[in-house]
Amino acid sequence: MQRPEAWPRPHPGEGAAAAGAGGSAPPPRAGEPSGLQLQEPSLYTIKAVFILDNDGRRLLAKYYDDTFPSTKEQMVFEKNVFNKTSRTESEIAFFGGMTIVYKSSIDLFLYVVGSSYENELMLMSVLTCLFESLSHMLRKNVERRWLLENMDGAFLVLDEIVDGGVILESDPQQVIQKVNIRADDSGLTEQSVAQVIQSAKEQIKWSLLK
């Protein structure tokens, strides 16, 4: 699949700043105010992706820049975002100079975070791909219990969608196909993973009975 490009929004004042610095600003496009210039296009559209439970606790998270350099800062941000979004019907929020799209499923909240000038449709395509890929992997049980039992697979799904902030894939069928290929290459087919998990459960059960 062809990789999607970022669709940046204009930042006010950039043209005037360039002219004041001695450089000649490019002429505005037709219909644009003279003081507006478009942000330089960038592939690095995603700042973070995280999944919280219905109490706002982190289950899965990946950050792709240094906006929140420490885990503590990240979790404070996640809690603030959860408090702002958990009781609303909207799918888009603007918080702390960032654009956030989100979706709830039973006892989970899925979030994709971009810059304030990022296109909401691009961010939403990532969120939709993540949800549908997880839904396929978890057999439509996109909820806390099944996510925790398949966390390795969830990280593989996310890595196939976003890498270093760059959107790699937005088609869930392609994502699942690539995840299956990676699992096959590592020798961990779906059946063998299930067998390992069942064996571990049996060992724990017998150890408790001793």
N, C-alpha and C. Protein backbone atom coordinates (compact mmCIF):
# COMPACT_ATOMS: atom_id res chain seq x y z
N MET A 1 0.83 -1.20 0.00
CA MET A 1 0.00 0.00 0.00
C MET A 1 0.86 1.24 0.00
N GLN A 2 0.45 2.24 -0.73
CA GLN A 2 1.21 3.49 -0.76
C GLN A 2 1.08 4.21 0.55
N ARG A 3 2.18 4.69 1.11
CA ARG A 3 2.13 5.35 2.41
C ARG A 3 1.42 6.69 2.29
N PRO A 4 0.51 6.97 3.26
CA PRO A 4 -0.17 8.25 3.22
C PRO A 4 0.76 9.38 3.59
N GLU A 5 0.54 10.54 3.03
CA GLU A 5 1.33 11.71 3.35
C GLU A 5 0.59 12.54 4.40
N ALA A 6 1.34 13.30 5.17
CA ALA A 6 0.72 14.18 6.14
C ALA A 6 0.11 15.38 5.43
N TRP A 7 -1.00 15.86 5.98
CA TRP A 7 -1.67 17.03 5.42
C TRP A 7 -1.63 18.14 6.46
N PRO A 8 -0.58 18.93 6.49
CA PRO A 8 -0.44 19.91 7.58
C PRO A 8 -1.37 21.10 7.40
N ARG A 9 -1.65 21.76 8.53
CA ARG A 9 -2.41 22.98 8.51
C ARG A 9 -1.48 24.18 8.48
N PRO A 10 -1.98 25.34 8.07
CA PRO A 10 -1.14 26.53 8.09
C PRO A 10 -0.88 27.01 9.49
N HIS A 11 0.29 27.53 9.73
CA HIS A 11 0.64 28.17 10.97
C HIS A 11 0.64 29.68 10.77
N PRO A 12 -0.12 30.41 11.60
CA PRO A 12 -0.18 31.86 11.41
C PRO A 12 1.14 32.52 11.69
N GLY A 13 1.46 33.53 10.89
CA GLY A 13 2.61 34.38 11.15
C GLY A 13 3.91 33.91 10.59
N GLU A 14 3.96 32.72 9.96
CA GLU A 14 5.25 32.23 9.48
C GLU A 14 5.76 33.07 8.32
N GLY A 15 4.85 33.54 7.46
CA GLY A 15 5.30 34.35 6.33
C GLY A 15 5.88 35.66 6.79
N ALA A 16 5.23 36.29 7.78
CA ALA A 16 5.73 37.55 8.29
C ALA A 16 7.07 37.37 8.98
N ALA A 17 7.22 36.25 9.71
CA ALA A 17 8.48 35.99 10.40
C ALA A 17 9.61 35.83 9.41
N ALA A 18 9.34 35.13 8.30
CA ALA A 18 10.38 34.92 7.30
C ALA A 18 10.80 36.24 6.68
N ALA A 19 9.82 37.10 6.42
CA ALA A 19 10.16 38.38 5.80
C ALA A 19 10.96 39.23 6.76
N GLY A 20 10.58 39.17 8.09
CA GLY A 20 11.30 39.98 9.06
C GLY A 20 12.71 39.51 9.25
N ALA A 21 12.98 38.23 8.98
CA ALA A 21 14.33 37.69 9.15
C ALA A 21 15.21 37.98 7.95
N GLY A 22 14.67 38.67 6.96
CA GLY A 22 15.49 39.02 5.81
C GLY A 22 15.28 38.12 4.64
N GLY A 23 14.53 37.02 4.81
CA GLY A 23 14.28 36.12 3.69
C GLY A 23 12.99 36.51 2.99
N SER A 24 12.86 36.14 1.77
CA SER A 24 11.64 36.45 1.04
C SER A 24 10.68 35.29 1.17
N ALA A 25 9.51 35.57 1.72
CA ALA A 25 8.52 34.51 1.89
C ALA A 25 7.86 34.21 0.57
N PRO A 26 7.56 32.95 0.28
CA PRO A 26 6.89 32.61 -0.97
C PRO A 26 5.52 33.25 -1.01
N PRO A 27 5.02 33.57 -2.20
CA PRO A 27 3.72 34.22 -2.30
C PRO A 27 2.62 33.31 -1.79
N PRO A 28 1.57 33.90 -1.17
CA PRO A 28 0.48 33.06 -0.67
C PRO A 28 -0.27 32.42 -1.80
N ARG A 29 -0.86 31.24 -1.52
CA ARG A 29 -1.67 30.57 -2.51
C ARG A 29 -2.98 31.32 -2.70
N ALA A 30 -3.64 31.01 -3.81
CA ALA A 30 -4.90 31.68 -4.12
C ALA A 30 -5.90 31.42 -3.02
N GLY A 31 -6.51 32.48 -2.53
CA GLY A 31 -7.52 32.36 -1.50
C GLY A 31 -6.97 32.38 -0.09
N GLU A 32 -5.63 32.39 0.07
CA GLU A 32 -5.04 32.42 1.40
C GLU A 32 -4.77 33.85 1.81
N PRO A 33 -4.99 34.19 3.10
CA PRO A 33 -4.55 35.49 3.59
C PRO A 33 -3.05 35.61 3.47
N SER A 34 -2.56 36.83 3.23
CA SER A 34 -1.14 37.02 2.99
C SER A 34 -0.28 36.66 4.18
N GLY A 35 -0.85 36.66 5.42
CA GLY A 35 -0.05 36.36 6.60
C GLY A 35 0.05 34.89 6.92
N LEU A 36 -0.53 34.01 6.09
CA LEU A 36 -0.52 32.58 6.37
C LEU A 36 0.41 31.84 5.42
N GLN A 37 1.20 30.94 5.99
CA GLN A 37 2.04 30.06 5.17
C GLN A 37 1.82 28.63 5.64
N LEU A 38 1.87 27.70 4.72
CA LEU A 38 1.66 26.30 5.07
C LEU A 38 2.87 25.74 5.80
N GLN A 39 2.60 24.90 6.81
CA GLN A 39 3.66 24.17 7.49
C GLN A 39 4.33 23.22 6.51
N GLU A 40 5.64 23.06 6.64
CA GLU A 40 6.35 22.14 5.77
C GLU A 40 5.79 20.73 5.96
N PRO A 41 5.51 20.02 4.85
CA PRO A 41 4.99 18.66 4.99
C PRO A 41 5.96 17.75 5.75
N SER A 42 5.41 16.84 6.53
CA SER A 42 6.24 15.92 7.30
C SER A 42 5.56 14.57 7.38
N LEU A 43 6.35 13.51 7.32
CA LEU A 43 5.81 12.17 7.50
C LEU A 43 5.58 11.86 8.97
N TYR A 44 6.23 12.63 9.85
CA TYR A 44 6.18 12.32 11.27
C TYR A 44 4.91 12.93 11.88
N THR A 45 3.82 12.22 11.69
CA THR A 45 2.52 12.78 12.03
C THR A 45 2.00 12.33 13.40
N ILE A 46 2.54 11.27 13.95
CA ILE A 46 2.00 10.70 15.18
C ILE A 46 2.95 10.99 16.35
N LYS A 47 2.41 11.58 17.40
CA LYS A 47 3.20 11.84 18.61
C LYS A 47 3.12 10.68 19.60
N ALA A 48 1.94 10.07 19.69
CA ALA A 48 1.76 8.99 20.66
C ALA A 48 0.52 8.18 20.32
N VAL A 49 0.54 6.93 20.76
CA VAL A 49 -0.63 6.06 20.71
C VAL A 49 -0.70 5.37 22.07
N PHE A 50 -1.86 5.41 22.71
CA PHE A 50 -1.98 4.68 23.97
C PHE A 50 -3.40 4.16 24.17
N ILE A 51 -3.48 3.10 24.99
CA ILE A 51 -4.75 2.47 25.34
C ILE A 51 -4.86 2.46 26.85
N LEU A 52 -5.99 2.95 27.36
CA LEU A 52 -6.25 3.00 28.79
C LEU A 52 -7.47 2.15 29.12
N ASP A 53 -7.55 1.70 30.38
CA ASP A 53 -8.77 1.01 30.79
C ASP A 53 -9.81 2.03 31.22
N ASN A 54 -10.97 1.57 31.68
CA ASN A 54 -12.04 2.52 31.99
C ASN A 54 -11.84 3.25 33.31
N ASP A 55 -10.70 3.02 33.97
CA ASP A 55 -10.31 3.83 35.12
C ASP A 55 -9.17 4.79 34.77
N GLY A 56 -8.79 4.81 33.49
CA GLY A 56 -7.73 5.72 33.06
C GLY A 56 -6.33 5.18 33.28
N ARG A 57 -6.21 3.90 33.57
CA ARG A 57 -4.88 3.30 33.78
C ARG A 57 -4.30 2.82 32.45
N ARG A 58 -3.00 3.02 32.31
CA ARG A 58 -2.32 2.64 31.07
C ARG A 58 -2.24 1.13 30.92
N LEU A 59 -2.58 0.66 29.71
CA LEU A 59 -2.39 -0.73 29.35
C LEU A 59 -1.32 -0.88 28.28
N LEU A 60 -1.31 0.03 27.33
CA LEU A 60 -0.33 0.02 26.23
C LEU A 60 -0.05 1.46 25.85
N ALA A 61 1.21 1.78 25.60
CA ALA A 61 1.53 3.15 25.19
C ALA A 61 2.85 3.18 24.44
N LYS A 62 2.89 4.03 23.41
CA LYS A 62 4.12 4.30 22.68
C LYS A 62 4.17 5.79 22.35
N TYR A 63 5.29 6.42 22.68
CA TYR A 63 5.50 7.83 22.37
C TYR A 63 6.63 7.93 21.34
N TYR A 64 6.45 8.85 20.38
CA TYR A 64 7.37 8.90 19.24
C TYR A 64 8.19 10.19 19.18
N ASP A 65 8.06 11.06 20.17
CA ASP A 65 8.95 12.22 20.24
C ASP A 65 9.18 12.54 21.72
N ASP A 66 9.85 13.66 21.98
CA ASP A 66 10.23 13.97 23.36
C ASP A 66 9.32 15.02 23.99
N THR A 67 8.09 15.12 23.53
CA THR A 67 7.15 16.05 24.15
C THR A 67 6.97 15.72 25.63
N PHE A 68 6.90 14.42 25.93
CA PHE A 68 6.80 13.96 27.32
C PHE A 68 7.95 12.98 27.55
N PRO A 69 9.12 13.47 27.95
CA PRO A 69 10.32 12.62 27.98
C PRO A 69 10.32 11.53 29.05
N SER A 70 9.58 11.72 30.14
CA SER A 70 9.63 10.73 31.21
C SER A 70 8.29 9.97 31.28
N THR A 71 8.35 8.76 31.84
CA THR A 71 7.14 7.97 32.00
C THR A 71 6.14 8.69 32.90
N LYS A 72 6.63 9.37 33.93
CA LYS A 72 5.74 10.10 34.84
C LYS A 72 4.97 11.18 34.09
N GLU A 73 5.66 11.95 33.25
CA GLU A 73 5.00 13.00 32.47
C GLU A 73 3.99 12.40 31.49
N GLN A 74 4.34 11.29 30.90
CA GLN A 74 3.43 10.62 29.96
C GLN A 74 2.15 10.19 30.67
N MET A 75 2.28 9.61 31.84
CA MET A 75 1.11 9.10 32.54
C MET A 75 0.23 10.23 33.09
N VAL A 76 0.85 11.34 33.48
CA VAL A 76 0.06 12.51 33.88
C VAL A 76 -0.74 13.02 32.69
N PHE A 77 -0.09 13.09 31.51
CA PHE A 77 -0.77 13.51 30.29
C PHE A 77 -1.93 12.58 29.97
N GLU A 78 -1.68 11.28 30.05
CA GLU A 78 -2.72 10.29 29.75
C GLU A 78 -3.92 10.44 30.69
N LYS A 79 -3.64 10.67 31.97
CA LYS A 79 -4.73 10.83 32.94
C LYS A 79 -5.54 12.09 32.64
N ASN A 80 -4.85 13.18 32.29
CA ASN A 80 -5.54 14.42 31.95
C ASN A 80 -6.41 14.25 30.70
N VAL A 81 -5.85 13.56 29.71
CA VAL A 81 -6.62 13.30 28.48
C VAL A 81 -7.83 12.44 28.79
N PHE A 82 -7.64 11.43 29.61
CA PHE A 82 -8.76 10.55 29.98
C PHE A 82 -9.86 11.34 30.69
N ASN A 83 -9.48 12.19 31.62
CA ASN A 83 -10.46 12.98 32.36
C ASN A 83 -11.24 13.91 31.43
N LYS A 84 -10.58 14.38 30.38
CA LYS A 84 -11.23 15.30 29.44
C LYS A 84 -12.15 14.57 28.48
N THR A 85 -11.85 13.31 28.16
CA THR A 85 -12.55 12.64 27.06
C THR A 85 -13.46 11.50 27.48
N SER A 86 -13.31 10.96 28.68
CA SER A 86 -14.00 9.72 29.03
C SER A 86 -15.51 9.87 29.15
N ARG A 87 -15.99 11.09 29.33
CA ARG A 87 -17.44 11.29 29.50
C ARG A 87 -18.05 12.10 28.37
N THR A 88 -17.40 12.14 27.25
CA THR A 88 -17.93 12.89 26.11
C THR A 88 -18.25 11.94 24.96
N GLU A 89 -19.10 12.39 24.08
CA GLU A 89 -19.48 11.60 22.92
C GLU A 89 -18.62 11.90 21.70
N SER A 90 -17.81 12.94 21.78
CA SER A 90 -17.00 13.35 20.64
C SER A 90 -15.89 12.33 20.38
N GLU A 91 -15.30 12.40 19.19
CA GLU A 91 -14.17 11.53 18.85
C GLU A 91 -12.88 12.31 18.68
N ILE A 92 -12.96 13.63 18.84
CA ILE A 92 -11.78 14.49 18.64
C ILE A 92 -11.69 15.46 19.80
N ALA A 93 -10.47 15.65 20.32
CA ALA A 93 -10.24 16.63 21.38
C ALA A 93 -8.97 17.42 21.06
N PHE A 94 -8.93 18.65 21.54
CA PHE A 94 -7.75 19.49 21.40
C PHE A 94 -7.27 19.83 22.81
N PHE A 95 -6.05 19.39 23.10
CA PHE A 95 -5.57 19.48 24.48
C PHE A 95 -4.07 19.73 24.49
N GLY A 96 -3.64 20.73 25.22
CA GLY A 96 -2.21 21.00 25.36
C GLY A 96 -1.50 21.26 24.05
N GLY A 97 -2.20 21.90 23.10
CA GLY A 97 -1.59 22.18 21.80
C GLY A 97 -1.49 20.95 20.91
N MET A 98 -2.28 19.93 21.20
CA MET A 98 -2.24 18.70 20.41
C MET A 98 -3.65 18.31 19.96
N THR A 99 -3.71 17.58 18.85
CA THR A 99 -4.97 17.03 18.36
C THR A 99 -5.03 15.56 18.76
N ILE A 100 -6.14 15.17 19.38
CA ILE A 100 -6.29 13.81 19.89
C ILE A 100 -7.57 13.20 19.34
N VAL A 101 -7.46 12.04 18.72
CA VAL A 101 -8.65 11.30 18.31
C VAL A 101 -8.73 10.05 19.17
N TYR A 102 -9.96 9.62 19.48
CA TYR A 102 -10.09 8.52 20.42
C TYR A 102 -11.37 7.74 20.17
N LYS A 103 -11.38 6.54 20.75
CA LYS A 103 -12.51 5.62 20.57
C LYS A 103 -12.59 4.74 21.81
N SER A 104 -13.81 4.47 22.27
CA SER A 104 -14.00 3.57 23.41
C SER A 104 -14.57 2.24 22.94
N SER A 105 -14.22 1.18 23.68
CA SER A 105 -14.74 -0.15 23.38
C SER A 105 -14.86 -0.93 24.68
N ILE A 106 -16.07 -1.10 25.15
CA ILE A 106 -16.38 -1.83 26.39
C ILE A 106 -15.65 -1.17 27.56
N ASP A 107 -14.48 -1.71 27.96
CA ASP A 107 -13.75 -1.12 29.08
C ASP A 107 -12.38 -0.59 28.65
N LEU A 108 -12.25 -0.21 27.37
CA LEU A 108 -11.00 0.34 26.85
C LEU A 108 -11.23 1.70 26.20
N PHE A 109 -10.18 2.53 26.24
CA PHE A 109 -10.16 3.79 25.49
C PHE A 109 -8.87 3.81 24.67
N LEU A 110 -9.02 3.99 23.35
CA LEU A 110 -7.88 4.02 22.44
C LEU A 110 -7.66 5.46 21.98
N TYR A 111 -6.40 5.91 22.02
CA TYR A 111 -6.07 7.29 21.68
C TYR A 111 -4.93 7.34 20.66
N VAL A 112 -5.05 8.29 19.72
CA VAL A 112 -3.95 8.62 18.81
C VAL A 112 -3.74 10.13 18.91
N VAL A 113 -2.48 10.54 19.12
CA VAL A 113 -2.15 11.94 19.38
C VAL A 113 -1.27 12.48 18.26
N GLY A 114 -1.62 13.66 17.76
CA GLY A 114 -0.81 14.35 16.75
C GLY A 114 -0.62 15.80 17.13
N SER A 115 0.15 16.53 16.34
CA SER A 115 0.35 17.95 16.58
C SER A 115 -0.93 18.72 16.33
N SER A 116 -0.96 19.97 16.77
CA SER A 116 -2.17 20.78 16.65
C SER A 116 -2.53 21.03 15.19
N TYR A 117 -1.54 20.97 14.28
CA TYR A 117 -1.81 21.26 12.87
C TYR A 117 -2.04 19.99 12.04
N GLU A 118 -2.06 18.81 12.69
CA GLU A 118 -2.27 17.59 11.93
C GLU A 118 -3.72 17.45 11.49
N ASN A 119 -3.91 16.78 10.37
CA ASN A 119 -5.24 16.55 9.84
C ASN A 119 -5.94 15.46 10.65
N GLU A 120 -7.16 15.76 11.13
CA GLU A 120 -7.87 14.82 11.96
C GLU A 120 -8.20 13.52 11.21
N LEU A 121 -8.45 13.62 9.91
CA LEU A 121 -8.78 12.42 9.14
C LEU A 121 -7.60 11.46 9.08
N MET A 122 -6.39 12.01 8.98
CA MET A 122 -5.21 11.16 8.96
C MET A 122 -5.03 10.45 10.30
N LEU A 123 -5.22 11.19 11.39
CA LEU A 123 -5.12 10.58 12.71
C LEU A 123 -6.22 9.54 12.91
N MET A 124 -7.42 9.85 12.43
CA MET A 124 -8.53 8.92 12.58
C MET A 124 -8.30 7.63 11.79
N SER A 125 -7.62 7.73 10.65
CA SER A 125 -7.34 6.52 9.87
C SER A 125 -6.43 5.58 10.65
N VAL A 126 -5.50 6.14 11.43
CA VAL A 126 -4.62 5.32 12.26
C VAL A 126 -5.43 4.67 13.38
N LEU A 127 -6.28 5.45 14.02
CA LEU A 127 -7.11 4.92 15.11
C LEU A 127 -8.02 3.80 14.61
N THR A 128 -8.66 4.01 13.47
CA THR A 128 -9.56 3.00 12.93
C THR A 128 -8.80 1.72 12.58
N CYS A 129 -7.63 1.88 11.97
CA CYS A 129 -6.81 0.72 11.62
C CYS A 129 -6.39 -0.05 12.86
N LEU A 130 -6.00 0.68 13.90
CA LEU A 130 -5.60 0.03 15.15
C LEU A 130 -6.76 -0.75 15.75
N PHE A 131 -7.92 -0.12 15.82
CA PHE A 131 -9.08 -0.79 16.43
C PHE A 131 -9.49 -2.03 15.63
N GLU A 132 -9.58 -1.90 14.31
CA GLU A 132 -10.03 -3.02 13.50
C GLU A 132 -9.00 -4.15 13.48
N SER A 133 -7.72 -3.81 13.53
CA SER A 133 -6.68 -4.84 13.59
C SER A 133 -6.75 -5.60 14.91
N LEU A 134 -6.92 -4.86 16.02
CA LEU A 134 -7.06 -5.51 17.32
C LEU A 134 -8.34 -6.35 17.38
N SER A 135 -9.41 -5.83 16.78
CA SER A 135 -10.67 -6.57 16.76
C SER A 135 -10.50 -7.91 16.04
N HIS A 136 -9.76 -7.90 14.94
CA HIS A 136 -9.50 -9.15 14.22
C HIS A 136 -8.64 -10.09 15.07
N MET A 137 -7.59 -9.57 15.65
CA MET A 137 -6.67 -10.39 16.44
C MET A 137 -7.35 -10.96 17.67
N LEU A 138 -8.23 -10.17 18.31
CA LEU A 138 -8.90 -10.58 19.54
C LEU A 138 -10.27 -11.19 19.28
N ARG A 139 -10.54 -11.50 18.00
CA ARG A 139 -11.82 -12.11 17.61
C ARG A 139 -13.01 -11.28 18.09
N LYS A 140 -12.89 -9.99 17.83
CA LYS A 140 -13.93 -9.00 18.12
C LYS A 140 -14.12 -8.73 19.61
N ASN A 141 -13.26 -9.28 20.45
CA ASN A 141 -13.34 -9.02 21.89
C ASN A 141 -12.33 -7.94 22.28
N VAL A 142 -12.60 -6.70 21.85
CA VAL A 142 -11.67 -5.60 22.15
C VAL A 142 -12.00 -5.09 23.54
N GLU A 143 -11.46 -5.76 24.52
CA GLU A 143 -11.69 -5.41 25.91
C GLU A 143 -10.43 -5.72 26.72
N ARG A 144 -10.41 -5.22 27.95
CA ARG A 144 -9.21 -5.25 28.77
C ARG A 144 -8.65 -6.66 28.96
N ARG A 145 -9.50 -7.60 29.32
CA ARG A 145 -9.03 -8.95 29.62
C ARG A 145 -8.27 -9.56 28.45
N TRP A 146 -8.88 -9.48 27.24
CA TRP A 146 -8.27 -10.12 26.08
C TRP A 146 -7.06 -9.35 25.59
N LEU A 147 -7.08 -8.03 25.77
CA LEU A 147 -5.91 -7.25 25.38
C LEU A 147 -4.71 -7.64 26.23
N LEU A 148 -4.91 -7.76 27.54
CA LEU A 148 -3.81 -8.11 28.43
C LEU A 148 -3.25 -9.49 28.12
N GLU A 149 -4.11 -10.40 27.67
CA GLU A 149 -3.64 -11.75 27.35
C GLU A 149 -2.94 -11.81 25.99
N ASN A 150 -3.08 -10.76 25.20
CA ASN A 150 -2.47 -10.75 23.86
C ASN A 150 -1.64 -9.48 23.64
N MET A 151 -0.95 -9.04 24.71
CA MET A 151 -0.24 -7.77 24.64
C MET A 151 0.88 -7.78 23.62
N ASP A 152 1.61 -8.90 23.49
CA ASP A 152 2.69 -8.98 22.50
C ASP A 152 2.14 -8.77 21.09
N GLY A 153 1.01 -9.40 20.81
CA GLY A 153 0.39 -9.22 19.50
C GLY A 153 -0.08 -7.81 19.29
N ALA A 154 -0.57 -7.16 20.34
CA ALA A 154 -1.03 -5.77 20.22
C ALA A 154 0.13 -4.84 19.87
N PHE A 155 1.29 -5.07 20.47
CA PHE A 155 2.46 -4.25 20.14
C PHE A 155 2.92 -4.51 18.71
N LEU A 156 2.83 -5.75 18.26
CA LEU A 156 3.18 -6.04 16.87
C LEU A 156 2.25 -5.31 15.91
N VAL A 157 0.95 -5.31 16.23
CA VAL A 157 -0.03 -4.58 15.41
C VAL A 157 0.34 -3.11 15.33
N LEU A 158 0.60 -2.50 16.48
CA LEU A 158 0.93 -1.08 16.51
C LEU A 158 2.20 -0.78 15.72
N ASP A 159 3.20 -1.66 15.84
CA ASP A 159 4.46 -1.44 15.12
C ASP A 159 4.29 -1.52 13.61
N GLU A 160 3.30 -2.27 13.16
CA GLU A 160 3.05 -2.35 11.72
C GLU A 160 2.29 -1.12 11.20
N ILE A 161 1.62 -0.40 12.11
CA ILE A 161 0.85 0.78 11.71
C ILE A 161 1.70 2.04 11.78
N VAL A 162 2.46 2.18 12.87
CA VAL A 162 3.27 3.39 13.09
C VAL A 162 4.68 2.97 13.47
N ASP A 163 5.66 3.62 12.87
CA ASP A 163 7.07 3.36 13.21
C ASP A 163 7.77 4.69 13.38
N GLY A 164 8.17 4.99 14.60
CA GLY A 164 8.88 6.24 14.86
C GLY A 164 8.06 7.48 14.57
N GLY A 165 6.75 7.38 14.64
CA GLY A 165 5.88 8.52 14.34
C GLY A 165 5.42 8.57 12.90
N VAL A 166 5.97 7.71 12.05
CA VAL A 166 5.59 7.66 10.63
C VAL A 166 4.49 6.62 10.43
N ILE A 167 3.43 7.01 9.72
CA ILE A 167 2.35 6.07 9.41
C ILE A 167 2.81 5.14 8.30
N LEU A 168 2.86 3.85 8.62
CA LEU A 168 3.29 2.85 7.64
C LEU A 168 2.11 2.21 6.92
N GLU A 169 1.02 2.01 7.63
CA GLU A 169 -0.10 1.25 7.07
C GLU A 169 -1.40 1.70 7.70
N SER A 170 -2.46 1.77 6.90
CA SER A 170 -3.78 2.13 7.43
C SER A 170 -4.85 1.13 6.99
N ASP A 171 -4.42 0.01 6.42
CA ASP A 171 -5.33 -1.05 6.02
C ASP A 171 -5.21 -2.19 7.01
N PRO A 172 -6.24 -2.46 7.83
CA PRO A 172 -6.13 -3.51 8.86
C PRO A 172 -5.84 -4.90 8.30
N GLN A 173 -6.33 -5.20 7.09
CA GLN A 173 -6.05 -6.51 6.51
C GLN A 173 -4.56 -6.68 6.23
N GLN A 174 -3.94 -5.61 5.73
CA GLN A 174 -2.49 -5.66 5.49
C GLN A 174 -1.73 -5.78 6.80
N VAL A 175 -2.20 -5.09 7.83
CA VAL A 175 -1.53 -5.16 9.13
C VAL A 175 -1.56 -6.59 9.68
N ILE A 176 -2.74 -7.21 9.66
CA ILE A 176 -2.86 -8.57 10.18
C ILE A 176 -2.01 -9.54 9.38
N GLN A 177 -1.98 -9.35 8.06
CA GLN A 177 -1.17 -10.22 7.21
C GLN A 177 0.31 -10.11 7.58
N LYS A 178 0.79 -8.89 7.79
CA LYS A 178 2.20 -8.69 8.14
C LYS A 178 2.52 -9.23 9.52
N VAL A 179 1.58 -9.06 10.46
CA VAL A 179 1.79 -9.60 11.80
C VAL A 179 1.87 -11.12 11.75
N ASN A 180 1.02 -11.75 10.95
CA ASN A 180 1.05 -13.21 10.82
C ASN A 180 2.36 -13.69 10.20
N ILE A 181 2.87 -12.93 9.23
CA ILE A 181 4.15 -13.29 8.61
C ILE A 181 5.27 -13.21 9.64
N ARG A 182 5.26 -12.16 10.45
CA ARG A 182 6.29 -12.02 11.48
C ARG A 182 6.18 -13.15 12.51
N ALA A 183 4.95 -13.52 12.84
CA ALA A 183 4.76 -14.62 13.79
C ALA A 183 5.26 -15.93 13.20
N ASP A 184 4.98 -16.15 11.91
CA ASP A 184 5.44 -17.37 11.25
C ASP A 184 6.96 -17.42 11.18
N ASP A 185 7.58 -16.26 10.89
CA ASP A 185 9.04 -16.20 10.79
C ASP A 185 9.69 -16.53 12.13
N SER A 186 9.03 -16.15 13.21
CA SER A 186 9.60 -16.41 14.54
C SER A 186 9.23 -17.79 15.07
N GLY A 187 8.41 -18.52 14.26
CA GLY A 187 8.01 -19.85 14.68
C GLY A 187 6.86 -19.85 15.67
N LEU A 188 6.28 -18.67 15.92
CA LEU A 188 5.17 -18.59 16.87
C LEU A 188 3.87 -18.43 16.11
N THR A 189 3.35 -19.54 15.62
CA THR A 189 2.06 -19.49 14.95
C THR A 189 0.97 -19.33 16.01
N GLU A 190 -0.21 -19.01 15.55
CA GLU A 190 -1.33 -18.81 16.49
C GLU A 190 -1.56 -20.06 17.33
N GLN A 191 -1.47 -21.23 16.69
CA GLN A 191 -1.71 -22.47 17.41
C GLN A 191 -0.62 -22.73 18.44
N SER A 192 0.63 -22.49 18.06
CA SER A 192 1.72 -22.77 19.00
C SER A 192 1.68 -21.80 20.17
N VAL A 193 1.30 -20.54 19.93
CA VAL A 193 1.16 -19.58 21.03
C VAL A 193 0.07 -20.05 21.98
N ALA A 194 -1.05 -20.51 21.44
CA ALA A 194 -2.14 -20.99 22.29
C ALA A 194 -1.70 -22.20 23.11
N GLN A 195 -0.89 -23.08 22.50
CA GLN A 195 -0.41 -24.25 23.22
C GLN A 195 0.51 -23.86 24.36
N VAL A 196 1.38 -22.89 24.12
CA VAL A 196 2.29 -22.43 25.17
C VAL A 196 1.51 -21.84 26.33
N ILE A 197 0.49 -21.01 26.01
CA ILE A 197 -0.31 -20.38 27.06
C ILE A 197 -1.06 -21.44 27.86
N GLN A 198 -1.65 -22.42 27.18
CA GLN A 198 -2.39 -23.47 27.86
C GLN A 198 -1.47 -24.30 28.75
N SER A 199 -0.28 -24.59 28.24
CA SER A 199 0.69 -25.36 29.03
C SER A 199 1.08 -24.60 30.30
N ALA A 200 1.28 -23.30 30.16
CA ALA A 200 1.65 -22.49 31.32
C ALA A 200 0.52 -22.47 32.35
N LYS A 201 -0.73 -22.37 31.86
CA LYS A 201 -1.87 -22.38 32.78
C LYS A 201 -1.96 -23.70 33.53
N GLU A 202 -1.70 -24.80 32.81
CA GLU A 202 -1.75 -26.12 33.45
C GLU A 202 -0.67 -26.24 34.52
N GLN A 203 0.54 -25.73 34.22
CA GLN A 203 1.62 -25.80 35.21
C GLN A 203 1.28 -25.00 36.45
N ILE A 204 0.69 -23.82 36.25
CA ILE A 204 0.32 -23.00 37.40
C ILE A 204 -0.75 -23.68 38.23
N LYS A 205 -1.73 -24.29 37.55
CA LYS A 205 -2.81 -24.96 38.26
C LYS A 205 -2.28 -26.11 39.12
N TRP A 206 -1.38 -26.94 38.54
CA TRP A 206 -0.85 -28.06 39.30
C TRP A 206 0.07 -27.61 40.44
N SER A 207 0.78 -26.50 40.20
CA SER A 207 1.67 -26.00 41.28
C SER A 207 0.85 -25.51 42.46
N LEU A 208 -0.34 -24.97 42.20
CA LEU A 208 -1.21 -24.49 43.27
C LEU A 208 -1.85 -25.65 44.02
N LEU A 209 -2.01 -26.78 43.36
CA LEU A 209 -2.66 -27.92 43.98
C LEU A 209 -1.69 -28.73 44.84
N LYS A 210 -0.41 -28.50 44.65
CA LYS A 210 0.59 -29.29 45.42
C LYS A 210 0.59 -28.88 46.89
